[in-house]
Amino acid sequence: MSTAPHNPTGPLIDMPAKTPAALRAAVARLDQTALARFDEHWTSATAQTRDEYSLMPARAFTEHWWVWVAVERWPELATRFRECERITADSEDRAERRAASAELGRILAEAEAAAA
């Protein structure tokens, strides 16, 4: 997943600035395979921003990837996040899906708080 050295007491990288260039660099350090998704999303967001004469698509893009970096820079948190996503999508057990969904919210809140 990452070429950065693992630090068990802290994040793999510092939080980048909330700019597309800084976020792209962070995504590249954390997960090279995510760069294609990042670039496709950026292309789509800028086209939508231009077509709608609105900055909201670009802002939504920035927020999405900033939170993605906030989670992914903590390997254990990212692993648990993906497991909760899998449970939410695949589990037949409604209570298990609800618990996993609630945990997703807690993980996002924790990652965002640590990033601030």
PDB file of N, CA and C in Angstrom:
ATOM      1  N   MET A   1       0.817  -1.188   0.000  1.00  0.00           N
ATOM      2  CA  MET A   1       0.000   0.000   0.000  1.00  0.00           C
ATOM      3  C   MET A   1       0.862   1.254   0.000  1.00  0.00           C
ATOM      4  N   SER A   2       1.850   1.322   0.841  1.00  0.00           N
ATOM      5  CA  SER A   2       2.607   2.554   0.979  1.00  0.00           C
ATOM      6  C   SER A   2       4.093   2.283   0.831  1.00  0.00           C
ATOM      7  N   THR A   3       4.779   3.257   0.299  1.00  0.00           N
ATOM      8  CA  THR A   3       6.229   3.156   0.232  1.00  0.00           C
ATOM      9  C   THR A   3       6.865   3.889   1.405  1.00  0.00           C
ATOM     10  N   ALA A   4       6.041   4.580   2.188  1.00  0.00           N
ATOM     11  CA  ALA A   4       6.554   5.292   3.350  1.00  0.00           C
ATOM     12  C   ALA A   4       6.839   4.290   4.470  1.00  0.00           C
ATOM     13  N   PRO A   5       7.850   4.565   5.299  1.00  0.00           N
ATOM     14  CA  PRO A   5       8.129   3.657   6.407  1.00  0.00           C
ATOM     15  C   PRO A   5       6.988   3.654   7.402  1.00  0.00           C
ATOM     16  N   HIS A   6       6.717   2.478   7.964  1.00  0.00           N
ATOM     17  CA  HIS A   6       5.623   2.363   8.921  1.00  0.00           C
ATOM     18  C   HIS A   6       6.077   2.851  10.286  1.00  0.00           C
ATOM     19  N   ASN A   7       5.315   3.742  10.873  1.00  0.00           N
ATOM     20  CA  ASN A   7       5.577   4.250  12.203  1.00  0.00           C
ATOM     21  C   ASN A   7       4.405   3.834  13.077  1.00  0.00           C
ATOM     22  N   PRO A   8       4.579   2.835  13.947  1.00  0.00           N
ATOM     23  CA  PRO A   8       3.450   2.332  14.713  1.00  0.00           C
ATOM     24  C   PRO A   8       2.867   3.330  15.705  1.00  0.00           C
ATOM     25  N   THR A   9       3.576   4.406  16.003  1.00  0.00           N
ATOM     26  CA  THR A   9       3.061   5.366  16.968  1.00  0.00           C
ATOM     27  C   THR A   9       2.480   6.610  16.321  1.00  0.00           C
ATOM     28  N   GLY A  10       2.485   6.672  15.009  1.00  0.00           N
ATOM     29  CA  GLY A  10       1.975   7.866  14.355  1.00  0.00           C
ATOM     30  C   GLY A  10       1.588   7.592  12.927  1.00  0.00           C
ATOM     31  N   PRO A  11       1.135   8.635  12.260  1.00  0.00           N
ATOM     32  CA  PRO A  11       0.700   8.472  10.869  1.00  0.00           C
ATOM     33  C   PRO A  11       1.888   8.272   9.931  1.00  0.00           C
ATOM     34  N   LEU A  12       1.606   7.690   8.768  1.00  0.00           N
ATOM     35  CA  LEU A  12       2.643   7.478   7.754  1.00  0.00           C
ATOM     36  C   LEU A  12       3.175   8.790   7.207  1.00  0.00           C
ATOM     37  N   ILE A  13       2.284   9.760   7.058  1.00  0.00           N
ATOM     38  CA  ILE A  13       2.661  11.076   6.539  1.00  0.00           C
ATOM     39  C   ILE A  13       1.923  12.141   7.324  1.00  0.00           C
ATOM     40  N   ASP A  14       2.422  13.365   7.251  1.00  0.00           N
ATOM     41  CA  ASP A  14       1.705  14.507   7.820  1.00  0.00           C
ATOM     42  C   ASP A  14       0.532  14.842   6.903  1.00  0.00           C
ATOM     43  N   MET A  15      -0.456  15.494   7.444  1.00  0.00           N
ATOM     44  CA  MET A  15      -1.587  15.921   6.610  1.00  0.00           C
ATOM     45  C   MET A  15      -1.112  17.002   5.652  1.00  0.00           C
ATOM     46  N   PRO A  16      -1.506  16.860   4.394  1.00  0.00           N
ATOM     47  CA  PRO A  16      -1.143  17.880   3.412  1.00  0.00           C
ATOM     48  C   PRO A  16      -2.080  19.079   3.510  1.00  0.00           C
ATOM     49  N   ALA A  17      -1.725  20.117   2.796  1.00  0.00           N
ATOM     50  CA  ALA A  17      -2.639  21.249   2.649  1.00  0.00           C
ATOM     51  C   ALA A  17      -3.864  20.782   1.872  1.00  0.00           C
ATOM     52  N   LYS A  18      -4.950  21.496   2.024  1.00  0.00           N
ATOM     53  CA  LYS A  18      -6.187  21.149   1.307  1.00  0.00           C
ATOM     54  C   LYS A  18      -6.167  21.762  -0.087  1.00  0.00           C
ATOM     55  N   THR A  19      -5.199  21.338  -0.875  1.00  0.00           N
ATOM     56  CA  THR A  19      -5.116  21.765  -2.264  1.00  0.00           C
ATOM     57  C   THR A  19      -5.000  20.516  -3.133  1.00  0.00           C
ATOM     58  N   PRO A  20      -5.501  20.577  -4.351  1.00  0.00           N
ATOM     59  CA  PRO A  20      -5.397  19.402  -5.216  1.00  0.00           C
ATOM     60  C   PRO A  20      -3.965  18.905  -5.396  1.00  0.00           C
ATOM     61  N   ALA A  21      -3.015  19.794  -5.566  1.00  0.00           N
ATOM     62  CA  ALA A  21      -1.623  19.378  -5.778  1.00  0.00           C
ATOM     63  C   ALA A  21      -1.059  18.677  -4.541  1.00  0.00           C
ATOM     64  N   ALA A  22      -1.298  19.244  -3.371  1.00  0.00           N
ATOM     65  CA  ALA A  22      -0.792  18.637  -2.136  1.00  0.00           C
ATOM     66  C   ALA A  22      -1.486  17.307  -1.859  1.00  0.00           C
ATOM     67  N   LEU A  23      -2.777  17.251  -2.123  1.00  0.00           N
ATOM     68  CA  LEU A  23      -3.510  16.001  -1.925  1.00  0.00           C
ATOM     69  C   LEU A  23      -3.030  14.927  -2.892  1.00  0.00           C
ATOM     70  N   ARG A  24      -2.766  15.315  -4.133  1.00  0.00           N
ATOM     71  CA  ARG A  24      -2.289  14.334  -5.120  1.00  0.00           C
ATOM     72  C   ARG A  24      -0.946  13.756  -4.689  1.00  0.00           C
ATOM     73  N   ALA A  25      -0.070  14.604  -4.183  1.00  0.00           N
ATOM     74  CA  ALA A  25       1.229  14.125  -3.702  1.00  0.00           C
ATOM     75  C   ALA A  25       1.051  13.160  -2.530  1.00  0.00           C
ATOM     76  N   ALA A  26       0.126  13.470  -1.642  1.00  0.00           N
ATOM     77  CA  ALA A  26      -0.134  12.590  -0.496  1.00  0.00           C
ATOM     78  C   ALA A  26      -0.716  11.254  -0.952  1.00  0.00           C
ATOM     79  N   VAL A  27      -1.648  11.298  -1.888  1.00  0.00           N
ATOM     80  CA  VAL A  27      -2.235  10.062  -2.419  1.00  0.00           C
ATOM     81  C   VAL A  27      -1.135   9.215  -3.060  1.00  0.00           C
ATOM     82  N   ALA A  28      -0.257   9.839  -3.797  1.00  0.00           N
ATOM     83  CA  ALA A  28       0.842   9.114  -4.445  1.00  0.00           C
ATOM     84  C   ALA A  28       1.742   8.430  -3.420  1.00  0.00           C
ATOM     85  N   ARG A  29       1.967   9.066  -2.303  1.00  0.00           N
ATOM     86  CA  ARG A  29       2.813   8.462  -1.256  1.00  0.00           C
ATOM     87  C   ARG A  29       2.097   7.339  -0.544  1.00  0.00           C
ATOM     88  N   LEU A  30       0.787   7.452  -0.378  1.00  0.00           N
ATOM     89  CA  LEU A  30       0.035   6.458   0.389  1.00  0.00           C
ATOM     90  C   LEU A  30      -0.390   5.247  -0.429  1.00  0.00           C
ATOM     91  N   ASP A  31      -0.797   5.484  -1.684  1.00  0.00           N
ATOM     92  CA  ASP A  31      -1.328   4.371  -2.481  1.00  0.00           C
ATOM     93  C   ASP A  31      -1.291   4.744  -3.960  1.00  0.00           C
ATOM     94  N   GLN A  32      -0.258   4.297  -4.642  1.00  0.00           N
ATOM     95  CA  GLN A  32      -0.092   4.606  -6.071  1.00  0.00           C
ATOM     96  C   GLN A  32      -1.300   4.181  -6.899  1.00  0.00           C
ATOM     97  N   THR A  33      -1.953   3.090  -6.512  1.00  0.00           N
ATOM     98  CA  THR A  33      -3.093   2.610  -7.298  1.00  0.00           C
ATOM     99  C   THR A  33      -4.286   3.549  -7.201  1.00  0.00           C
ATOM    100  N   ALA A  34      -4.338   4.387  -6.193  1.00  0.00           N
ATOM    101  CA  ALA A  34      -5.448   5.330  -6.040  1.00  0.00           C
ATOM    102  C   ALA A  34      -5.289   6.561  -6.920  1.00  0.00           C
ATOM    103  N   LEU A  35      -4.102   6.764  -7.488  1.00  0.00           N
ATOM    104  CA  LEU A  35      -3.869   7.964  -8.304  1.00  0.00           C
ATOM    105  C   LEU A  35      -4.799   8.047  -9.512  1.00  0.00           C
ATOM    106  N   ALA A  36      -5.075   6.929 -10.152  1.00  0.00           N
ATOM    107  CA  ALA A  36      -5.980   6.956 -11.313  1.00  0.00           C
ATOM    108  C   ALA A  36      -7.362   7.427 -10.896  1.00  0.00           C
ATOM    109  N   ARG A  37      -7.865   6.935  -9.770  1.00  0.00           N
ATOM    110  CA  ARG A  37      -9.174   7.387  -9.270  1.00  0.00           C
ATOM    111  C   ARG A  37      -9.141   8.875  -8.931  1.00  0.00           C
ATOM    112  N   PHE A  38      -8.050   9.301  -8.293  1.00  0.00           N
ATOM    113  CA  PHE A  38      -7.880  10.705  -7.946  1.00  0.00           C
ATOM    114  C   PHE A  38      -7.950  11.562  -9.208  1.00  0.00           C
ATOM    115  N   ASP A  39      -7.156  11.199 -10.218  1.00  0.00           N
ATOM    116  CA  ASP A  39      -7.099  11.982 -11.452  1.00  0.00           C
ATOM    117  C   ASP A  39      -8.437  11.992 -12.185  1.00  0.00           C
ATOM    118  N   GLU A  40      -9.109  10.851 -12.242  1.00  0.00           N
ATOM    119  CA  GLU A  40     -10.432  10.794 -12.880  1.00  0.00           C
ATOM    120  C   GLU A  40     -11.435  11.671 -12.135  1.00  0.00           C
ATOM    121  N   HIS A  41     -11.394  11.596 -10.815  1.00  0.00           N
ATOM    122  CA  HIS A  41     -12.309  12.405 -10.001  1.00  0.00           C
ATOM    123  C   HIS A  41     -12.015  13.901 -10.200  1.00  0.00           C
ATOM    124  N   TRP A  42     -10.723  14.267 -10.246  1.00  0.00           N
ATOM    125  CA  TRP A  42     -10.339  15.668 -10.453  1.00  0.00           C
ATOM    126  C   TRP A  42     -10.819  16.173 -11.813  1.00  0.00           C
ATOM    127  N   THR A  43     -10.643  15.363 -12.840  1.00  0.00           N
ATOM    128  CA  THR A  43     -11.088  15.748 -14.179  1.00  0.00           C
ATOM    129  C   THR A  43     -12.600  15.960 -14.191  1.00  0.00           C
ATOM    130  N   SER A  44     -13.312  15.047 -13.577  1.00  0.00           N
ATOM    131  CA  SER A  44     -14.774  15.152 -13.503  1.00  0.00           C
ATOM    132  C   SER A  44     -15.211  16.376 -12.697  1.00  0.00           C
ATOM    133  N   ALA A  45     -14.555  16.595 -11.561  1.00  0.00           N
ATOM    134  CA  ALA A  45     -14.928  17.729 -10.697  1.00  0.00           C
ATOM    135  C   ALA A  45     -14.654  19.061 -11.374  1.00  0.00           C
ATOM    136  N   THR A  46     -13.533  19.173 -12.064  1.00  0.00           N
ATOM    137  CA  THR A  46     -13.235  20.450 -12.726  1.00  0.00           C
ATOM    138  C   THR A  46     -14.189  20.690 -13.905  1.00  0.00           C
ATOM    139  N   ALA A  47     -14.542  19.635 -14.615  1.00  0.00           N
ATOM    140  CA  ALA A  47     -15.509  19.793 -15.714  1.00  0.00           C
ATOM    141  C   ALA A  47     -16.868  20.216 -15.168  1.00  0.00           C
ATOM    142  N   GLN A  48     -17.283  19.579 -14.087  1.00  0.00           N
ATOM    143  CA  GLN A  48     -18.573  19.934 -13.487  1.00  0.00           C
ATOM    144  C   GLN A  48     -18.540  21.354 -12.932  1.00  0.00           C
ATOM    145  N   THR A  49     -17.414  21.739 -12.327  1.00  0.00           N
ATOM    146  CA  THR A  49     -17.252  23.107 -11.816  1.00  0.00           C
ATOM    147  C   THR A  49     -17.405  24.115 -12.948  1.00  0.00           C
ATOM    148  N   ARG A  50     -16.755  23.824 -14.069  1.00  0.00           N
ATOM    149  CA  ARG A  50     -16.825  24.713 -15.232  1.00  0.00           C
ATOM    150  C   ARG A  50     -18.249  24.746 -15.803  1.00  0.00           C
ATOM    151  N   ASP A  51     -18.859  23.580 -15.995  1.00  0.00           N
ATOM    152  CA  ASP A  51     -20.183  23.498 -16.615  1.00  0.00           C
ATOM    153  C   ASP A  51     -21.285  24.129 -15.769  1.00  0.00           C
ATOM    154  N   GLU A  52     -21.143  24.037 -14.463  1.00  0.00           N
ATOM    155  CA  GLU A  52     -22.183  24.549 -13.556  1.00  0.00           C
ATOM    156  C   GLU A  52     -21.882  25.948 -13.026  1.00  0.00           C
ATOM    157  N   TYR A  53     -20.722  26.477 -13.355  1.00  0.00           N
ATOM    158  CA  TYR A  53     -20.309  27.773 -12.813  1.00  0.00           C
ATOM    159  C   TYR A  53     -20.412  27.780 -11.290  1.00  0.00           C
ATOM    160  N   SER A  54     -19.937  26.693 -10.700  1.00  0.00           N
ATOM    161  CA  SER A  54     -20.024  26.514  -9.253  1.00  0.00           C
ATOM    162  C   SER A  54     -18.729  25.910  -8.741  1.00  0.00           C
ATOM    163  N   LEU A  55     -18.287  26.384  -7.598  1.00  0.00           N
ATOM    164  CA  LEU A  55     -17.092  25.820  -6.986  1.00  0.00           C
ATOM    165  C   LEU A  55     -17.390  24.585  -6.143  1.00  0.00           C
ATOM    166  N   MET A  56     -18.660  24.264  -5.972  1.00  0.00           N
ATOM    167  CA  MET A  56     -19.023  23.142  -5.105  1.00  0.00           C
ATOM    168  C   MET A  56     -18.414  21.805  -5.543  1.00  0.00           C
ATOM    169  N   PRO A  57     -18.415  21.439  -6.818  1.00  0.00           N
ATOM    170  CA  PRO A  57     -17.794  20.158  -7.182  1.00  0.00           C
ATOM    171  C   PRO A  57     -16.302  20.100  -6.828  1.00  0.00           C
ATOM    172  N   ALA A  58     -15.586  21.192  -7.017  1.00  0.00           N
ATOM    173  CA  ALA A  58     -14.172  21.218  -6.669  1.00  0.00           C
ATOM    174  C   ALA A  58     -13.983  21.152  -5.157  1.00  0.00           C
ATOM    175  N   ARG A  59     -14.844  21.822  -4.423  1.00  0.00           N
ATOM    176  CA  ARG A  59     -14.772  21.757  -2.957  1.00  0.00           C
ATOM    177  C   ARG A  59     -15.091  20.355  -2.454  1.00  0.00           C
ATOM    178  N   ALA A  60     -16.102  19.725  -3.030  1.00  0.00           N
ATOM    179  CA  ALA A  60     -16.462  18.361  -2.640  1.00  0.00           C
ATOM    180  C   ALA A  60     -15.310  17.400  -2.944  1.00  0.00           C
ATOM    181  N   PHE A  61     -14.678  17.583  -4.084  1.00  0.00           N
ATOM    182  CA  PHE A  61     -13.508  16.783  -4.449  1.00  0.00           C
ATOM    183  C   PHE A  61     -12.411  16.927  -3.390  1.00  0.00           C
ATOM    184  N   THR A  62     -12.094  18.158  -3.046  1.00  0.00           N
ATOM    185  CA  THR A  62     -11.033  18.427  -2.078  1.00  0.00           C
ATOM    186  C   THR A  62     -11.367  17.806  -0.725  1.00  0.00           C
ATOM    187  N   GLU A  63     -12.587  17.982  -0.270  1.00  0.00           N
ATOM    188  CA  GLU A  63     -12.996  17.399   1.016  1.00  0.00           C
ATOM    189  C   GLU A  63     -12.915  15.875   0.980  1.00  0.00           C
ATOM    190  N   HIS A  64     -13.394  15.266  -0.108  1.00  0.00           N
ATOM    191  CA  HIS A  64     -13.361  13.806  -0.226  1.00  0.00           C
ATOM    192  C   HIS A  64     -11.941  13.277  -0.094  1.00  0.00           C
ATOM    193  N   TRP A  65     -11.014  13.840  -0.850  1.00  0.00           N
ATOM    194  CA  TRP A  65      -9.648  13.321  -0.846  1.00  0.00           C
ATOM    195  C   TRP A  65      -8.884  13.714   0.408  1.00  0.00           C
ATOM    196  N   TRP A  66      -9.229  14.827   1.016  1.00  0.00           N
ATOM    197  CA  TRP A  66      -8.601  15.201   2.279  1.00  0.00           C
ATOM    198  C   TRP A  66      -8.969  14.185   3.361  1.00  0.00           C
ATOM    199  N   VAL A  67     -10.239  13.796   3.405  1.00  0.00           N
ATOM    200  CA  VAL A  67     -10.672  12.788   4.375  1.00  0.00           C
ATOM    201  C   VAL A  67     -10.061  11.428   4.030  1.00  0.00           C
ATOM    202  N   TRP A  68      -9.980  11.102   2.740  1.00  0.00           N
ATOM    203  CA  TRP A  68      -9.355   9.844   2.329  1.00  0.00           C
ATOM    204  C   TRP A  68      -7.922   9.781   2.863  1.00  0.00           C
ATOM    205  N   VAL A  69      -7.171  10.857   2.681  1.00  0.00           N
ATOM    206  CA  VAL A  69      -5.793  10.903   3.185  1.00  0.00           C
ATOM    207  C   VAL A  69      -5.794  10.813   4.706  1.00  0.00           C
ATOM    208  N   ALA A  70      -6.713  11.501   5.361  1.00  0.00           N
ATOM    209  CA  ALA A  70      -6.785  11.476   6.823  1.00  0.00           C
ATOM    210  C   ALA A  70      -6.934  10.051   7.352  1.00  0.00           C
ATOM    211  N   VAL A  71      -7.684   9.218   6.654  1.00  0.00           N
ATOM    212  CA  VAL A  71      -7.861   7.820   7.064  1.00  0.00           C
ATOM    213  C   VAL A  71      -6.658   6.983   6.640  1.00  0.00           C
ATOM    214  N   GLU A  72      -6.260   7.085   5.387  1.00  0.00           N
ATOM    215  CA  GLU A  72      -5.236   6.204   4.833  1.00  0.00           C
ATOM    216  C   GLU A  72      -3.853   6.400   5.444  1.00  0.00           C
ATOM    217  N   ARG A  73      -3.596   7.539   6.030  1.00  0.00           N
ATOM    218  CA  ARG A  73      -2.279   7.756   6.611  1.00  0.00           C
ATOM    219  C   ARG A  73      -2.083   6.970   7.907  1.00  0.00           C
ATOM    220  N   TRP A  74      -3.167   6.403   8.436  1.00  0.00           N
ATOM    221  CA  TRP A  74      -3.131   5.524   9.604  1.00  0.00           C
ATOM    222  C   TRP A  74      -3.457   4.104   9.124  1.00  0.00           C
ATOM    223  N   PRO A  75      -2.480   3.250   8.880  1.00  0.00           N
ATOM    224  CA  PRO A  75      -2.730   1.931   8.272  1.00  0.00           C
ATOM    225  C   PRO A  75      -3.768   1.080   8.999  1.00  0.00           C
ATOM    226  N   GLU A  76      -3.717   1.033  10.312  1.00  0.00           N
ATOM    227  CA  GLU A  76      -4.679   0.209  11.052  1.00  0.00           C
ATOM    228  C   GLU A  76      -6.094   0.755  10.890  1.00  0.00           C
ATOM    229  N   LEU A  77      -6.223   2.054  10.907  1.00  0.00           N
ATOM    230  CA  LEU A  77      -7.525   2.693  10.727  1.00  0.00           C
ATOM    231  C   LEU A  77      -8.060   2.438   9.323  1.00  0.00           C
ATOM    232  N   ALA A  78      -7.195   2.535   8.333  1.00  0.00           N
ATOM    233  CA  ALA A  78      -7.595   2.297   6.943  1.00  0.00           C
ATOM    234  C   ALA A  78      -8.042   0.851   6.747  1.00  0.00           C
ATOM    235  N   THR A  79      -7.337  -0.080   7.352  1.00  0.00           N
ATOM    236  CA  THR A  79      -7.710  -1.493   7.245  1.00  0.00           C
ATOM    237  C   THR A  79      -9.079  -1.727   7.866  1.00  0.00           C
ATOM    238  N   ARG A  80      -9.301  -1.173   9.033  1.00  0.00           N
ATOM    239  CA  ARG A  80     -10.597  -1.345   9.693  1.00  0.00           C
ATOM    240  C   ARG A  80     -11.704  -0.655   8.894  1.00  0.00           C
ATOM    241  N   PHE A  81     -11.406   0.501   8.314  1.00  0.00           N
ATOM    242  CA  PHE A  81     -12.384   1.214   7.495  1.00  0.00           C
ATOM    243  C   PHE A  81     -12.843   0.338   6.325  1.00  0.00           C
ATOM    244  N   ARG A  82     -11.886  -0.258   5.626  1.00  0.00           N
ATOM    245  CA  ARG A  82     -12.232  -1.131   4.489  1.00  0.00           C
ATOM    246  C   ARG A  82     -13.026  -2.352   4.935  1.00  0.00           C
ATOM    247  N   GLU A  83     -12.683  -2.905   6.104  1.00  0.00           N
ATOM    248  CA  GLU A  83     -13.432  -4.049   6.621  1.00  0.00           C
ATOM    249  C   GLU A  83     -14.877  -3.647   6.938  1.00  0.00           C
ATOM    250  N   CYS A  84     -15.066  -2.485   7.525  1.00  0.00           N
ATOM    251  CA  CYS A  84     -16.428  -2.004   7.817  1.00  0.00           C
ATOM    252  C   CYS A  84     -17.206  -1.752   6.524  1.00  0.00           C
ATOM    253  N   GLU A  85     -16.534  -1.225   5.511  1.00  0.00           N
ATOM    254  CA  GLU A  85     -17.189  -1.044   4.213  1.00  0.00           C
ATOM    255  C   GLU A  85     -17.638  -2.391   3.647  1.00  0.00           C
ATOM    256  N   ARG A  86     -16.770  -3.392   3.759  1.00  0.00           N
ATOM    257  CA  ARG A  86     -17.096  -4.733   3.261  1.00  0.00           C
ATOM    258  C   ARG A  86     -18.299  -5.306   4.002  1.00  0.00           C
ATOM    259  N   ILE A  87     -18.296  -5.172   5.321  1.00  0.00           N
ATOM    260  CA  ILE A  87     -19.410  -5.679   6.128  1.00  0.00           C
ATOM    261  C   ILE A  87     -20.700  -4.971   5.739  1.00  0.00           C
ATOM    262  N   THR A  88     -20.644  -3.663   5.616  1.00  0.00           N
ATOM    263  CA  THR A  88     -21.832  -2.887   5.256  1.00  0.00           C
ATOM    264  C   THR A  88     -22.386  -3.315   3.902  1.00  0.00           C
ATOM    265  N   ALA A  89     -21.521  -3.625   2.965  1.00  0.00           N
ATOM    266  CA  ALA A  89     -21.952  -4.011   1.620  1.00  0.00           C
ATOM    267  C   ALA A  89     -22.388  -5.466   1.523  1.00  0.00           C
ATOM    268  N   ASP A  90     -21.750  -6.351   2.280  1.00  0.00           N
ATOM    269  CA  ASP A  90     -21.928  -7.783   2.051  1.00  0.00           C
ATOM    270  C   ASP A  90     -22.688  -8.553   3.118  1.00  0.00           C
ATOM    271  N   SER A  91     -22.751  -8.053   4.316  1.00  0.00           N
ATOM    272  CA  SER A  91     -23.332  -8.833   5.402  1.00  0.00           C
ATOM    273  C   SER A  91     -24.845  -9.012   5.237  1.00  0.00           C
ATOM    274  N   GLU A  92     -25.292 -10.185   5.578  1.00  0.00           N
ATOM    275  CA  GLU A  92     -26.730 -10.485   5.587  1.00  0.00           C
ATOM    276  C   GLU A  92     -27.371 -10.039   6.903  1.00  0.00           C
ATOM    277  N   ASP A  93     -26.549  -9.782   7.904  1.00  0.00           N
ATOM    278  CA  ASP A  93     -27.008  -9.453   9.256  1.00  0.00           C
ATOM    279  C   ASP A  93     -27.204  -7.934   9.383  1.00  0.00           C
ATOM    280  N   ARG A  94     -28.448  -7.530   9.566  1.00  0.00           N
ATOM    281  CA  ARG A  94     -28.773  -6.101   9.639  1.00  0.00           C
ATOM    282  C   ARG A  94     -28.063  -5.411  10.802  1.00  0.00           C
ATOM    283  N   ALA A  95     -28.016  -6.052  11.956  1.00  0.00           N
ATOM    284  CA  ALA A  95     -27.358  -5.460  13.124  1.00  0.00           C
ATOM    285  C   ALA A  95     -25.858  -5.293  12.867  1.00  0.00           C
ATOM    286  N   GLU A  96     -25.262  -6.271  12.219  1.00  0.00           N
ATOM    287  CA  GLU A  96     -23.843  -6.183  11.889  1.00  0.00           C
ATOM    288  C   GLU A  96     -23.588  -5.038  10.906  1.00  0.00           C
ATOM    289  N   ARG A  97     -24.465  -4.889   9.914  1.00  0.00           N
ATOM    290  CA  ARG A  97     -24.328  -3.780   8.955  1.00  0.00           C
ATOM    291  C   ARG A  97     -24.458  -2.439   9.655  1.00  0.00           C
ATOM    292  N   ARG A  98     -25.419  -2.323  10.561  1.00  0.00           N
ATOM    293  CA  ARG A  98     -25.610  -1.061  11.290  1.00  0.00           C
ATOM    294  C   ARG A  98     -24.403  -0.731  12.164  1.00  0.00           C
ATOM    295  N   ALA A  99     -23.883  -1.739  12.854  1.00  0.00           N
ATOM    296  CA  ALA A  99     -22.713  -1.520  13.711  1.00  0.00           C
ATOM    297  C   ALA A  99     -21.509  -1.095  12.867  1.00  0.00           C
ATOM    298  N   ALA A 100     -21.320  -1.743  11.728  1.00  0.00           N
ATOM    299  CA  ALA A 100     -20.204  -1.390  10.850  1.00  0.00           C
ATOM    300  C   ALA A 100     -20.383   0.017  10.292  1.00  0.00           C
ATOM    301  N   SER A 101     -21.606   0.359   9.947  1.00  0.00           N
ATOM    302  CA  SER A 101     -21.886   1.697   9.431  1.00  0.00           C
ATOM    303  C   SER A 101     -21.593   2.763  10.490  1.00  0.00           C
ATOM    304  N   ALA A 102     -21.996   2.492  11.721  1.00  0.00           N
ATOM    305  CA  ALA A 102     -21.714   3.434  12.814  1.00  0.00           C
ATOM    306  C   ALA A 102     -20.214   3.557  13.042  1.00  0.00           C
ATOM    307  N   GLU A 103     -19.512   2.432  12.940  1.00  0.00           N
ATOM    308  CA  GLU A 103     -18.058   2.477  13.111  1.00  0.00           C
ATOM    309  C   GLU A 103     -17.396   3.277  11.997  1.00  0.00           C
ATOM    310  N   LEU A 104     -17.908   3.178  10.776  1.00  0.00           N
ATOM    311  CA  LEU A 104     -17.380   4.007   9.679  1.00  0.00           C
ATOM    312  C   LEU A 104     -17.450   5.482  10.054  1.00  0.00           C
ATOM    313  N   GLY A 105     -18.573   5.892  10.609  1.00  0.00           N
ATOM    314  CA  GLY A 105     -18.721   7.283  11.028  1.00  0.00           C
ATOM    315  C   GLY A 105     -17.721   7.670  12.097  1.00  0.00           C
ATOM    316  N   ARG A 106     -17.499   6.766  13.059  1.00  0.00           N
ATOM    317  CA  ARG A 106     -16.520   7.044  14.119  1.00  0.00           C
ATOM    318  C   ARG A 106     -15.102   7.129  13.550  1.00  0.00           C
ATOM    319  N   ILE A 107     -14.780   6.237  12.618  1.00  0.00           N
ATOM    320  CA  ILE A 107     -13.445   6.261  12.008  1.00  0.00           C
ATOM    321  C   ILE A 107     -13.228   7.579  11.273  1.00  0.00           C
ATOM    322  N   LEU A 108     -14.222   8.002  10.498  1.00  0.00           N
ATOM    323  CA  LEU A 108     -14.098   9.271   9.780  1.00  0.00           C
ATOM    324  C   LEU A 108     -13.927  10.435  10.748  1.00  0.00           C
ATOM    325  N   ALA A 109     -14.712  10.453  11.808  1.00  0.00           N
ATOM    326  CA  ALA A 109     -14.610  11.532  12.791  1.00  0.00           C
ATOM    327  C   ALA A 109     -13.241  11.536  13.464  1.00  0.00           C
ATOM    328  N   GLU A 110     -12.734  10.340  13.821  1.00  0.00           N
ATOM    329  CA  GLU A 110     -11.420  10.223  14.449  1.00  0.00           C
ATOM    330  C   GLU A 110     -10.314  10.694  13.512  1.00  0.00           C
ATOM    331  N   ALA A 111     -10.384  10.271  12.272  1.00  0.00           N
ATOM    332  CA  ALA A 111      -9.352  10.653  11.302  1.00  0.00           C
ATOM    333  C   ALA A 111      -9.379  12.160  11.050  1.00  0.00           C
ATOM    334  N   GLU A 112     -10.572  12.712  10.913  1.00  0.00           N
ATOM    335  CA  GLU A 112     -10.673  14.153  10.674  1.00  0.00           C
ATOM    336  C   GLU A 112     -10.172  14.950  11.872  1.00  0.00           C
ATOM    337  N   ALA A 113     -10.482  14.488  13.081  1.00  0.00           N
ATOM    338  CA  ALA A 113     -10.018  15.186  14.278  1.00  0.00           C
ATOM    339  C   ALA A 113      -8.496  15.136  14.368  1.00  0.00           C
ATOM    340  N   ALA A 114      -7.908  13.988  14.049  1.00  0.00           N
ATOM    341  CA  ALA A 114      -6.459  13.862  14.096  1.00  0.00           C
ATOM    342  C   ALA A 114      -5.785  14.720  13.032  1.00  0.00           C
ATOM    343  N   ALA A 115      -6.486  14.956  11.936  1.00  0.00           N
ATOM    344  CA  ALA A 115      -5.925  15.719  10.824  1.00  0.00           C
ATOM    345  C   ALA A 115      -6.002  17.229  11.068  1.00  0.00           C
ATOM    346  N   ALA A 116      -6.898  17.637  11.910  1.00  0.00           N
ATOM    347  CA  ALA A 116      -7.115  19.079  12.117  1.00  0.00           C
ATOM    348  C   ALA A 116      -5.988  19.736  12.877  1.00  0.00           C
TER     349      ALA A 116
END
